[in-house]
Amino acid sequence: MNLTKKSFHQLTYKLTVVILFSLLACSVKAAVILPDIIADNMVLQRNKPVPIWGTASPGEEVTVTFAGQTLKTTAKEDRKWMVKLKAMPANANPQKMIIKGKNTIELSGIVIGEVWLLTGQSNMQLILSSTTDGEETIASAYKPNIHLFNVDRKIAFHHKRGNLANWEKCTPLSVEEFSAAGYYFGVDLQEALNIPIGLINASFGGSQVEAWMPEEYLLASEDFKPCVDRTALWAAERPEVQAKYDSDMEAWKKAAEEAEKNNTKAPRQPRVPDALRDYRIAASIYNNMIEPLIPYTIQGAFWYQGESNEERAEQYGMLLPVFVVSWRDKWKANGGIKDFPFGIIQLPNYRDIEPEPVDNTWAHIREAQRRTVTKTKNTALIVTIDIGEAHDIHPHNKLDVGKRMARWALADVYGKEMVATGPMFKKAKVKGDKIELLFDVVGEGLKTKDGHAPMEFAIAGADKKWYWAKAKITGKNKVEVWGDEVPNPVAVRYAFNSNPKNPNLTNESGLPAAPFRTDNWPDPTAGKR
């Protein structure tokens, strides 16, 4: 082959570039790489084995040194490696961790304490500035013993590049975009335990529970499979839906500008269609925001979601317990802890107060959450039936939500002597023209907040027609319910409307009893999948 001097130099340059890129690729492949969650300033869970994991070249020896422990392992053919640090006591003194393979990584600022995962949709995502007294709270949020890992939704879904999140000490700057409910929970927990607290916030507004579940758990049930089928349906219609949405947005922008000029009310902004919401695709949030965290050792998790599944409340009742099990299975299968505590934050009171008992879907989502807790071990229900807002799906009071989260954790997880929650319905028994209800979590005994008779009970006979009922506390854990219109009662419901007027049943905690129903009659969404 005849080459000119110029073409020879060009060819030499190209070959050099190729060789350099090849060497760089080999170097990167050989390097020990850590997941984003294992980083400077992380909080490691105390008193439990702690997996440290990553990737390296197959057969590469990896050494992890931390807190007097030195562990060695070899990367497998799939490049994955893992070691498990032995359980360690809490330690607020920052320490260094050295991970060494063909390269060396030094992490600093590591403390040992309690780690909690905060998940759910917009009410968990809601930031402090959108809540009551939020700006003042932000200004005083210098909490060096609370470390935050705030998963970035845009990075998780590959809309921008970067780390999934960074562990940061809690300051007014780092807490600005963090979960308000999660922050208040962490503050109460840290003050009570006086050790470092690590909070991982992985929340996504508008999300449905199926987006948070591994796909194989959805495909295992005919009742869940439609959640996966929608993925292909949305993909097929996406180009057409995108074009229409873009057109609608252009029209809306022009109308909004005109409204501003004329000082008139602007039209409502077009809703983003489901086909364009990548976070509604089955398993999408699990794959992008949860799986990258597994098997990081956590003490427990909180779930604050349900609003977006309201139109399929019956199916939600089937999905939610499987969702909890699926996460626990995944943590255990990947070398993490099993059956960790799971707090489910129940939907609050919302919408207008109804003068009569009604059968609405919001209440059935609450019931799905309650029943999940009754049949799933090591779970709890955080009731918010009294701190919602009739006309705002995002209640501003997240301080009390966080306090109730912390109260349950301190009582049931950490063994503090206090009643963890309000009363929980246990079972019902028909006694002539009355129904006797038995409750758990009664503490010193059932009572009402206002000293009056228990309110918000409804009663029905076999005709399934509901009437307001009378109720009386008849024992430490007993309530008797009856109604003049129902001489032969078969079922009772408590605080079952979307926004009950006065759900006053409680125990010495002052926290409300969880809404419930004793019947298993089909709800308004029966059969919807």
Protein backbone atom coordinates (compact mmCIF):
# COMPACT_ATOMS: atom_id res chain seq x y z
CA MET A 1 0.00 0.00 0.00
CA ASN A 2 1.38 3.40 -1.01
CA LEU A 3 1.01 6.07 1.69
CA THR A 4 1.85 9.74 1.47
CA LYS A 5 3.66 11.28 4.40
CA LYS A 6 0.44 13.11 5.40
CA SER A 7 -1.76 10.03 5.21
CA PHE A 8 0.86 7.99 7.12
CA HIS A 9 0.79 10.50 9.98
CA GLN A 10 -3.03 10.51 9.94
CA LEU A 11 -3.14 6.74 10.15
CA THR A 12 -0.53 6.72 12.94
CA TYR A 13 -2.58 9.29 14.86
CA LYS A 14 -5.78 7.26 14.50
CA LEU A 15 -4.07 4.08 15.65
CA THR A 16 -2.59 5.89 18.65
CA VAL A 17 -6.02 7.23 19.62
CA VAL A 18 -7.56 3.75 19.29
CA ILE A 19 -4.80 2.20 21.43
CA LEU A 20 -5.13 4.92 24.08
CA PHE A 21 -8.90 4.47 24.26
CA SER A 22 -8.45 0.71 24.48
CA LEU A 23 -5.97 1.08 27.31
CA LEU A 24 -8.30 3.53 29.06
CA ALA A 25 -11.23 1.12 28.68
CA CYS A 26 -9.14 -1.71 30.13
CA SER A 27 -8.04 0.55 32.97
CA VAL A 28 -11.64 1.53 33.76
CA LYS A 29 -12.74 -2.09 33.56
CA ALA A 30 -10.01 -3.10 35.96
CA ALA A 31 -10.80 -0.38 38.45
CA VAL A 32 -12.80 -1.03 41.58
CA ILE A 33 -16.08 0.87 41.21
CA LEU A 34 -18.50 1.53 44.05
CA PRO A 35 -22.26 2.19 43.91
CA ASP A 36 -23.21 5.80 44.61
CA ILE A 37 -24.71 4.92 48.01
CA ILE A 38 -21.25 3.86 49.31
CA ALA A 39 -19.51 7.19 49.57
CA ASP A 40 -18.01 9.89 51.78
CA ASN A 41 -20.12 10.87 54.80
CA MET A 42 -22.31 7.78 54.67
CA VAL A 43 -24.01 6.42 57.76
CA LEU A 44 -23.55 2.69 58.35
CA GLN A 45 -26.22 0.81 60.25
CA ARG A 46 -25.16 -0.09 63.78
CA ASN A 47 -25.47 -3.56 65.34
CA LYS A 48 -26.00 -5.36 62.01
CA PRO A 49 -23.68 -6.85 59.37
CA VAL A 50 -22.93 -4.23 56.70
CA PRO A 51 -22.39 -5.27 53.07
CA ILE A 52 -19.87 -3.27 51.07
CA TRP A 53 -19.99 -4.08 47.38
CA GLY A 54 -19.07 -2.98 43.90
CA THR A 55 -17.47 -4.15 40.67
CA ALA A 56 -13.92 -4.91 39.51
CA SER A 57 -12.31 -7.00 36.78
CA PRO A 58 -13.02 -10.76 37.06
CA GLY A 59 -10.60 -12.38 39.50
CA GLU A 60 -9.38 -9.07 40.88
CA GLU A 61 -8.70 -9.16 44.62
CA VAL A 62 -10.47 -6.44 46.60
CA THR A 63 -9.62 -5.45 50.19
CA VAL A 64 -11.89 -3.36 52.41
CA THR A 65 -10.49 -1.84 55.60
CA PHE A 66 -12.69 -0.06 58.13
CA ALA A 67 -12.91 0.36 61.92
CA GLY A 68 -10.25 -2.27 62.66
CA GLN A 69 -11.68 -4.79 60.19
CA THR A 70 -9.87 -5.90 57.03
CA LEU A 71 -11.83 -8.09 54.64
CA LYS A 72 -10.73 -9.58 51.33
CA THR A 73 -12.65 -11.04 48.42
CA THR A 74 -12.29 -11.68 44.70
CA ALA A 75 -14.49 -10.27 41.96
CA LYS A 76 -16.57 -12.92 40.20
CA GLU A 77 -16.96 -13.51 36.47
CA ASP A 78 -19.80 -10.97 36.37
CA ARG A 79 -17.35 -8.46 37.93
CA LYS A 80 -19.36 -8.22 41.16
CA TRP A 81 -17.79 -8.44 44.61
CA MET A 82 -19.04 -8.05 48.16
CA VAL A 83 -17.74 -8.22 51.72
CA LYS A 84 -19.69 -7.92 54.96
CA LEU A 85 -18.38 -5.87 57.84
CA LYS A 86 -19.23 -7.35 61.22
CA ALA A 87 -21.82 -5.56 63.33
CA MET A 88 -20.49 -2.40 64.96
CA PRO A 89 -21.81 -0.14 67.74
CA ALA A 90 -22.88 3.43 67.07
CA ASN A 91 -20.01 5.87 66.60
CA ALA A 92 -20.36 9.57 65.83
CA ASN A 93 -16.61 10.03 65.24
CA PRO A 94 -15.94 10.24 61.48
CA GLN A 95 -13.80 7.35 60.19
CA LYS A 96 -12.09 6.42 56.93
CA MET A 97 -12.68 3.36 54.76
CA ILE A 98 -10.08 2.07 52.29
CA ILE A 99 -11.18 -0.07 49.33
CA LYS A 100 -8.23 -1.42 47.39
CA GLY A 101 -7.97 -3.43 44.20
CA LYS A 102 -5.83 -2.44 41.27
CA ASN A 103 -6.83 1.07 42.29
CA THR A 104 -7.42 2.51 45.77
CA ILE A 105 -10.48 4.39 46.97
CA GLU A 106 -10.45 6.29 50.26
CA LEU A 107 -13.78 7.32 51.79
CA SER A 108 -13.97 9.70 54.73
CA GLY A 109 -16.49 11.15 57.16
CA ILE A 110 -18.17 7.79 57.80
CA VAL A 111 -20.23 7.40 60.99
CA ILE A 112 -22.26 4.53 62.45
CA GLY A 113 -25.85 4.87 63.61
CA GLU A 114 -29.40 4.26 62.39
CA VAL A 115 -30.37 4.25 58.70
CA TRP A 116 -33.93 4.61 57.40
CA LEU A 117 -35.30 4.55 53.85
CA LEU A 118 -38.07 7.07 53.03
CA THR A 119 -40.21 6.25 50.01
CA GLY A 120 -43.52 7.06 48.37
CA GLN A 121 -45.08 9.70 46.18
CA SER A 122 -45.60 13.46 46.51
CA ASN A 123 -46.49 13.61 50.21
CA MET A 124 -43.15 11.98 51.03
CA GLN A 125 -41.39 14.04 48.38
CA LEU A 126 -42.91 17.33 49.65
CA ILE A 127 -40.12 19.66 50.74
CA LEU A 128 -39.97 21.82 53.85
CA SER A 129 -40.58 25.12 52.05
CA SER A 130 -44.02 23.81 51.01
CA THR A 131 -45.05 23.02 54.59
CA THR A 132 -46.19 24.90 57.69
CA ASP A 133 -43.29 26.94 59.15
CA GLY A 134 -41.01 25.35 56.56
CA GLU A 135 -38.79 28.36 55.87
CA GLU A 136 -38.05 28.84 59.58
CA THR A 137 -37.31 25.14 59.91
CA ILE A 138 -34.87 25.25 57.00
CA ALA A 139 -33.05 28.23 58.49
CA SER A 140 -32.36 26.32 61.72
CA ALA A 141 -31.59 22.93 60.15
CA TYR A 142 -27.99 22.61 61.29
CA LYS A 143 -28.02 18.94 62.31
CA PRO A 144 -24.50 17.49 61.81
CA ASN A 145 -25.50 14.12 63.28
CA ILE A 146 -28.17 13.66 60.59
CA HIS A 147 -26.82 12.71 57.17
CA LEU A 148 -29.01 12.90 54.06
CA PHE A 149 -28.93 10.88 50.84
CA ASN A 150 -31.49 12.49 48.54
CA VAL A 151 -31.93 10.37 45.40
CA ASP A 152 -32.09 12.64 42.34
CA ARG A 153 -35.11 11.69 40.20
CA LYS A 154 -33.68 13.18 37.00
CA ILE A 155 -30.38 11.35 37.39
CA ALA A 156 -32.17 8.12 38.36
CA PHE A 157 -34.21 8.25 35.15
CA HIS A 158 -31.21 9.26 33.03
CA HIS A 159 -32.52 12.74 32.18
CA LYS A 160 -29.17 14.13 33.31
CA ARG A 161 -25.81 12.68 34.32
CA GLY A 162 -24.17 12.49 37.71
CA ASN A 163 -24.25 10.61 40.97
CA LEU A 164 -27.60 9.26 42.10
CA ALA A 165 -27.03 11.34 45.24
CA ASN A 166 -24.30 12.31 47.69
CA TRP A 167 -24.32 11.75 51.43
CA GLU A 168 -24.42 15.20 53.05
CA LYS A 169 -24.61 16.45 56.61
CA CYS A 170 -27.93 18.14 57.30
CA THR A 171 -27.68 21.91 56.80
CA PRO A 172 -30.12 24.55 55.55
CA LEU A 173 -28.66 24.02 52.07
CA SER A 174 -28.72 20.22 51.96
CA VAL A 175 -32.21 19.93 53.50
CA GLU A 176 -33.89 22.33 51.04
CA GLU A 177 -34.91 19.58 48.60
CA PHE A 178 -35.29 16.80 51.17
CA SER A 179 -38.50 15.17 52.36
CA ALA A 180 -40.17 17.29 55.06
CA ALA A 181 -41.85 14.32 56.75
CA GLY A 182 -38.57 12.41 56.62
CA TYR A 183 -36.63 15.33 58.07
CA TYR A 184 -38.98 15.74 61.03
CA PHE A 185 -38.82 11.99 61.64
CA GLY A 186 -35.02 12.10 61.62
CA VAL A 187 -34.84 15.03 64.03
CA ASP A 188 -37.05 13.30 66.60
CA LEU A 189 -35.16 10.02 66.20
CA GLN A 190 -31.74 11.65 66.58
CA GLU A 191 -32.78 13.60 69.65
CA ALA A 192 -34.21 10.48 71.31
CA LEU A 193 -31.33 8.12 70.48
CA ASN A 194 -28.45 10.63 70.49
CA ILE A 195 -26.55 8.80 67.73
CA PRO A 196 -26.00 9.50 64.02
CA ILE A 197 -29.04 9.11 61.79
CA GLY A 198 -28.86 8.37 58.06
CA LEU A 199 -31.92 9.21 55.96
CA ILE A 200 -32.27 7.96 52.39
CA ASN A 201 -35.04 9.74 50.49
CA ALA A 202 -36.19 7.91 47.35
CA SER A 203 -39.60 9.38 46.58
CA PHE A 204 -41.44 10.30 43.37
CA GLY A 205 -44.62 12.38 43.13
CA GLY A 206 -47.50 10.97 41.11
CA SER A 207 -46.14 7.43 41.21
CA GLN A 208 -48.20 4.25 41.45
CA VAL A 209 -47.22 1.26 43.56
CA GLU A 210 -46.56 -1.00 40.56
CA ALA A 211 -43.71 1.29 39.47
CA TRP A 212 -41.99 0.49 42.77
CA MET A 213 -42.17 -3.31 42.40
CA PRO A 214 -39.82 -5.76 40.64
CA GLU A 215 -41.46 -6.87 37.41
CA GLU A 216 -41.38 -10.59 38.20
CA TYR A 217 -43.71 -10.05 41.16
CA LEU A 218 -46.20 -8.32 38.88
CA LEU A 219 -46.03 -11.00 36.20
CA ALA A 220 -46.66 -13.73 38.78
CA SER A 221 -50.32 -12.73 39.18
CA GLU A 222 -53.13 -12.33 36.65
CA ASP A 223 -54.43 -9.49 38.82
CA PHE A 224 -51.12 -7.63 38.46
CA LYS A 225 -50.18 -8.49 34.87
CA PRO A 226 -52.24 -5.60 33.40
CA CYS A 227 -49.83 -3.22 35.16
CA VAL A 228 -47.04 -4.63 32.99
CA ASP A 229 -49.20 -4.82 29.86
CA ARG A 230 -49.68 -1.05 30.00
CA THR A 231 -45.95 -0.61 29.38
CA ALA A 232 -46.24 -1.90 25.80
CA LEU A 233 -49.52 -0.06 25.27
CA TRP A 234 -48.02 3.27 26.31
CA ALA A 235 -44.92 2.68 24.18
CA ALA A 236 -47.08 2.14 21.10
CA GLU A 237 -49.18 5.25 21.60
CA ARG A 238 -46.38 7.51 22.86
CA PRO A 239 -45.53 9.33 19.56
CA GLU A 240 -49.15 10.29 18.96
CA VAL A 241 -49.74 11.20 22.61
CA GLN A 242 -46.55 13.31 22.68
CA ALA A 243 -47.61 15.26 19.58
CA LYS A 244 -51.04 16.00 21.03
CA TYR A 245 -49.60 16.97 24.40
CA ASP A 246 -47.11 19.35 22.77
CA SER A 247 -49.95 20.95 20.81
CA ASP A 248 -52.12 21.25 23.93
CA MET A 249 -49.23 22.85 25.83
CA GLU A 250 -48.66 25.44 23.09
CA ALA A 251 -52.34 26.34 23.12
CA TRP A 252 -52.32 26.55 26.91
CA LYS A 253 -49.28 28.84 26.98
CA LYS A 254 -50.97 31.25 24.58
CA ALA A 255 -54.20 31.17 26.59
CA ALA A 256 -52.29 31.72 29.83
CA GLU A 257 -50.49 34.73 28.33
CA GLU A 258 -53.80 36.20 27.17
CA ALA A 259 -55.32 35.64 30.59
CA GLU A 260 -52.40 37.45 32.21
CA LYS A 261 -52.79 40.41 29.83
CA ASN A 262 -56.53 40.60 30.49
CA ASN A 263 -56.15 39.95 34.22
CA THR A 264 -58.46 36.93 34.00
CA LYS A 265 -58.18 33.42 35.36
CA ALA A 266 -55.77 31.25 33.39
CA PRO A 267 -56.96 27.86 32.11
CA ARG A 268 -55.73 24.74 33.87
CA GLN A 269 -52.45 23.39 32.51
CA PRO A 270 -52.86 20.17 30.51
CA ARG A 271 -52.25 17.00 32.51
CA VAL A 272 -49.22 14.96 31.48
CA PRO A 273 -50.61 11.73 29.94
CA ASP A 274 -49.62 8.46 31.60
CA ALA A 275 -47.86 7.36 28.41
CA LEU A 276 -45.35 10.20 28.91
CA ARG A 277 -44.70 9.52 32.59
CA ASP A 278 -41.74 7.15 32.64
CA TYR A 279 -42.08 6.89 36.42
CA ARG A 280 -45.50 5.21 36.00
CA ILE A 281 -44.13 2.31 33.98
CA ALA A 282 -44.25 -0.95 35.92
CA ALA A 283 -41.00 -1.58 37.86
CA SER A 284 -39.46 1.67 36.57
CA ILE A 285 -38.87 3.32 39.96
CA TYR A 286 -37.75 0.04 41.49
CA ASN A 287 -35.19 -0.46 38.71
CA ASN A 288 -33.88 3.11 38.77
CA MET A 289 -34.19 4.30 42.37
CA ILE A 290 -34.43 1.28 44.67
CA GLU A 291 -32.39 -1.54 43.13
CA PRO A 292 -29.22 0.65 43.10
CA LEU A 293 -29.55 0.93 46.90
CA ILE A 294 -29.81 -2.82 47.55
CA PRO A 295 -28.42 -4.35 49.80
CA TYR A 296 -27.35 -1.24 51.76
CA THR A 297 -28.13 -2.06 55.40
CA ILE A 298 -31.10 -0.13 56.70
CA GLN A 299 -32.97 -0.35 59.98
CA GLY A 300 -36.33 0.08 58.29
CA ALA A 301 -38.42 1.85 55.67
CA PHE A 302 -41.43 4.13 55.40
CA TRP A 303 -44.00 4.11 52.61
CA TYR A 304 -46.18 7.20 52.00
CA GLN A 305 -48.18 6.43 48.85
CA GLY A 306 -51.61 5.45 47.60
CA GLU A 307 -53.17 8.56 46.11
CA SER A 308 -52.31 7.60 42.52
CA ASN A 309 -53.82 4.12 42.87
CA GLU A 310 -57.22 5.40 44.04
CA GLU A 311 -59.01 4.35 40.85
CA ARG A 312 -57.88 0.74 41.43
CA ALA A 313 -58.32 0.49 45.21
CA GLU A 314 -59.26 -3.19 45.17
CA GLN A 315 -56.14 -4.08 43.19
CA TYR A 316 -54.06 -1.86 45.50
CA GLY A 317 -55.17 -4.04 48.39
CA MET A 318 -53.64 -7.00 46.57
CA LEU A 319 -50.50 -5.17 45.42
CA LEU A 320 -49.41 -3.52 48.65
CA PRO A 321 -48.59 -6.60 50.76
CA VAL A 322 -46.74 -8.13 47.81
CA PHE A 323 -44.82 -4.90 47.38
CA VAL A 324 -43.56 -5.08 50.98
CA VAL A 325 -42.59 -8.73 50.58
CA SER A 326 -40.83 -8.06 47.27
CA TRP A 327 -38.48 -5.49 48.80
CA ARG A 328 -37.70 -7.69 51.75
CA ASP A 329 -37.02 -10.61 49.41
CA LYS A 330 -34.67 -8.52 47.27
CA TRP A 331 -32.67 -7.23 50.23
CA LYS A 332 -32.31 -10.75 51.63
CA ALA A 333 -31.46 -12.36 48.26
CA ASN A 334 -28.69 -9.83 47.61
CA GLY A 335 -26.95 -10.29 50.93
CA GLY A 336 -28.82 -7.73 53.00
CA ILE A 337 -31.09 -7.91 56.01
CA LYS A 338 -34.50 -9.61 55.98
CA ASP A 339 -37.97 -8.60 57.17
CA PHE A 340 -36.92 -5.08 58.13
CA PRO A 341 -39.56 -2.88 59.84
CA PHE A 342 -41.94 -1.20 57.41
CA GLY A 343 -44.06 1.82 58.38
CA ILE A 344 -47.03 2.57 56.10
CA ILE A 345 -48.33 6.13 56.33
CA GLN A 346 -52.08 6.04 55.78
CA LEU A 347 -53.88 8.54 53.53
CA PRO A 348 -55.18 11.61 55.41
CA ASN A 349 -58.64 13.13 55.55
CA TYR A 350 -59.37 14.80 52.20
CA ARG A 351 -62.27 16.32 50.24
CA ASP A 352 -65.51 17.74 51.63
CA ILE A 353 -67.16 16.28 54.71
CA GLU A 354 -70.10 14.09 53.71
CA PRO A 355 -73.32 14.35 55.74
CA GLU A 356 -74.05 10.63 55.34
CA PRO A 357 -71.93 7.45 55.19
CA VAL A 358 -70.62 6.93 51.66
CA ASP A 359 -68.62 4.23 49.91
CA ASN A 360 -65.72 6.07 48.33
CA THR A 361 -62.41 4.89 46.92
CA TRP A 362 -60.18 7.10 49.10
CA ALA A 363 -61.39 5.26 52.19
CA HIS A 364 -60.80 1.90 50.51
CA ILE A 365 -57.15 2.83 49.81
CA ARG A 366 -56.83 3.52 53.53
CA GLU A 367 -58.40 0.14 54.25
CA ALA A 368 -55.92 -1.56 51.91
CA GLN A 369 -53.11 0.03 53.90
CA ARG A 370 -54.61 -1.06 57.22
CA ARG A 371 -55.20 -4.65 56.08
CA THR A 372 -51.66 -4.87 54.72
CA VAL A 373 -50.39 -4.10 58.21
CA THR A 374 -52.68 -6.65 59.86
CA LYS A 375 -51.41 -9.50 57.67
CA THR A 376 -47.77 -8.53 57.12
CA LYS A 377 -45.35 -9.01 59.99
CA ASN A 378 -43.20 -6.24 61.38
CA THR A 379 -45.24 -3.45 59.79
CA ALA A 380 -47.13 -0.51 61.26
CA LEU A 381 -49.80 1.97 60.25
CA ILE A 382 -49.11 5.68 60.76
CA VAL A 383 -52.59 7.23 60.88
CA THR A 384 -53.09 10.82 59.63
CA ILE A 385 -56.91 10.93 59.54
CA ASP A 386 -56.95 14.13 61.62
CA ILE A 387 -54.14 16.20 60.07
CA GLY A 388 -55.13 16.37 56.40
CA GLU A 389 -56.77 19.22 54.49
CA ALA A 390 -60.15 19.03 52.76
CA HIS A 391 -59.04 20.83 49.61
CA ASP A 392 -55.33 20.08 49.38
CA ILE A 393 -54.04 16.62 48.54
CA HIS A 394 -50.70 17.74 50.00
CA PRO A 395 -51.39 18.65 53.65
CA HIS A 396 -48.98 21.28 54.96
CA ASN A 397 -48.58 19.73 58.40
CA LYS A 398 -45.70 17.33 57.95
CA LEU A 399 -44.32 17.98 61.45
CA ASP A 400 -46.97 15.76 63.05
CA VAL A 401 -46.51 13.13 60.35
CA GLY A 402 -42.80 12.94 61.16
CA LYS A 403 -43.49 12.84 64.89
CA ARG A 404 -45.91 9.93 64.45
CA MET A 405 -43.36 8.09 62.33
CA ALA A 406 -40.76 8.58 65.06
CA ARG A 407 -43.14 7.58 67.84
CA TRP A 408 -43.85 4.22 66.21
CA ALA A 409 -40.14 3.60 65.54
CA LEU A 410 -39.10 4.54 69.07
CA ALA A 411 -41.79 2.33 70.63
CA ASP A 412 -41.83 -0.75 68.43
CA VAL A 413 -38.35 -0.79 66.86
CA TYR A 414 -36.28 0.68 69.69
CA GLY A 415 -38.32 -0.50 72.67
CA LYS A 416 -39.12 2.84 74.29
CA GLU A 417 -41.96 2.60 76.80
CA MET A 418 -44.84 4.36 75.06
CA VAL A 419 -47.93 3.46 73.07
CA ALA A 420 -46.75 3.32 69.45
CA THR A 421 -49.95 4.35 67.65
CA GLY A 422 -53.65 4.90 68.16
CA PRO A 423 -55.99 1.89 68.58
CA MET A 424 -56.25 -0.75 65.84
CA PHE A 425 -59.40 -2.75 65.13
CA LYS A 426 -58.97 -6.47 65.85
CA LYS A 427 -62.29 -8.29 65.40
CA ALA A 428 -66.07 -7.92 65.55
CA LYS A 429 -68.87 -10.03 66.99
CA VAL A 430 -72.62 -9.63 66.39
CA LYS A 431 -74.57 -9.61 69.67
CA GLY A 432 -78.29 -9.36 68.89
CA ASP A 433 -79.02 -5.84 67.68
CA LYS A 434 -75.48 -4.66 68.48
CA ILE A 435 -71.98 -5.36 67.22
CA GLU A 436 -69.09 -5.62 69.68
CA LEU A 437 -65.69 -4.47 68.46
CA LEU A 438 -62.36 -5.48 69.98
CA PHE A 439 -59.20 -3.39 69.57
CA ASP A 440 -55.44 -3.81 69.86
CA VAL A 441 -52.95 -1.09 70.90
CA VAL A 442 -55.26 0.30 73.55
CA GLY A 443 -52.60 1.19 76.12
CA GLU A 444 -54.32 2.04 79.39
CA GLY A 445 -57.68 1.78 77.66
CA LEU A 446 -59.88 3.21 74.93
CA LYS A 447 -61.10 6.78 75.31
CA THR A 448 -62.25 9.69 73.18
CA LYS A 449 -60.38 12.92 72.54
CA ASP A 450 -63.28 15.13 73.58
CA GLY A 451 -64.81 13.03 76.35
CA HIS A 452 -67.99 12.46 74.35
CA ALA A 453 -69.29 9.20 72.92
CA PRO A 454 -67.31 7.71 70.03
CA MET A 455 -68.29 9.25 66.69
CA GLU A 456 -68.01 8.34 63.00
CA PHE A 457 -69.34 4.78 63.30
CA ALA A 458 -71.68 3.51 60.59
CA ILE A 459 -73.69 0.29 60.66
CA ALA A 460 -75.37 -1.87 58.01
CA GLY A 461 -77.54 -4.94 57.70
CA ALA A 462 -77.56 -7.58 55.00
CA ASP A 463 -78.95 -5.03 52.53
CA LYS A 464 -75.57 -3.20 52.65
CA LYS A 465 -77.21 0.15 53.36
CA TRP A 466 -75.19 2.30 55.72
CA TYR A 467 -76.51 4.47 58.54
CA TRP A 468 -74.78 6.53 61.20
CA ALA A 469 -74.58 4.50 64.40
CA LYS A 470 -74.37 5.07 68.12
CA ALA A 471 -71.33 3.78 69.97
CA LYS A 472 -70.18 3.27 73.53
CA ILE A 473 -66.86 2.22 75.08
CA THR A 474 -67.75 -0.83 77.19
CA GLY A 475 -64.32 -2.02 78.30
CA LYS A 476 -60.60 -1.38 78.11
CA ASN A 477 -60.52 -2.66 74.52
CA LYS A 478 -64.23 -2.84 73.61
CA VAL A 479 -66.72 -0.65 71.79
CA GLU A 480 -70.40 -1.48 71.28
CA VAL A 481 -72.14 -0.16 68.15
CA TRP A 482 -75.86 -0.10 67.25
CA GLY A 483 -78.37 1.81 65.16
CA ASP A 484 -82.14 2.23 65.32
CA GLU A 485 -82.48 1.78 61.53
CA VAL A 486 -80.61 -1.57 61.58
CA PRO A 487 -82.20 -4.09 63.97
CA ASN A 488 -80.16 -6.96 62.51
CA PRO A 489 -76.66 -5.55 61.93
CA VAL A 490 -73.94 -7.45 60.11
CA ALA A 491 -71.17 -4.89 59.55
CA VAL A 492 -69.60 -1.75 61.01
CA ARG A 493 -67.34 0.91 59.54
CA TYR A 494 -65.38 3.59 61.38
CA ALA A 495 -64.21 6.93 59.95
CA PHE A 496 -64.68 5.45 56.52
CA ASN A 497 -65.61 8.60 54.61
CA SER A 498 -62.88 10.49 52.75
CA ASN A 499 -63.02 13.25 55.35
CA PRO A 500 -64.71 12.09 58.57
CA LYS A 501 -65.99 14.98 60.67
CA ASN A 502 -64.91 13.87 64.16
CA PRO A 503 -62.95 10.59 64.43
CA ASN A 504 -62.49 10.89 68.18
CA LEU A 505 -61.61 7.34 69.30
CA THR A 506 -58.11 7.13 70.77
CA ASN A 507 -55.95 5.88 73.66
CA GLU A 508 -53.66 7.77 76.03
CA SER A 509 -51.39 8.68 73.10
CA GLY A 510 -54.06 11.02 71.76
CA LEU A 511 -53.46 9.55 68.30
CA PRO A 512 -56.53 8.57 66.30
CA ALA A 513 -57.77 5.02 65.93
CA ALA A 514 -57.23 3.70 62.43
CA PRO A 515 -60.27 3.83 60.13
CA PHE A 516 -61.60 0.35 59.31
CA ARG A 517 -64.45 -1.77 58.04
CA THR A 518 -65.57 -5.19 59.26
CA ASP A 519 -67.17 -6.21 55.94
CA ASN A 520 -65.59 -7.66 52.81
CA TRP A 521 -68.15 -6.29 50.36
CA PRO A 522 -66.83 -5.27 46.92
CA ASP A 523 -65.57 -1.71 46.73
CA PRO A 524 -66.45 0.75 43.91
CA THR A 525 -63.33 -0.25 41.96
CA ALA A 526 -63.97 -4.01 42.05
CA GLY A 527 -62.54 -5.72 38.99
CA LYS A 528 -60.53 -2.73 37.77
CA ARG A 529 -56.99 -3.71 36.90
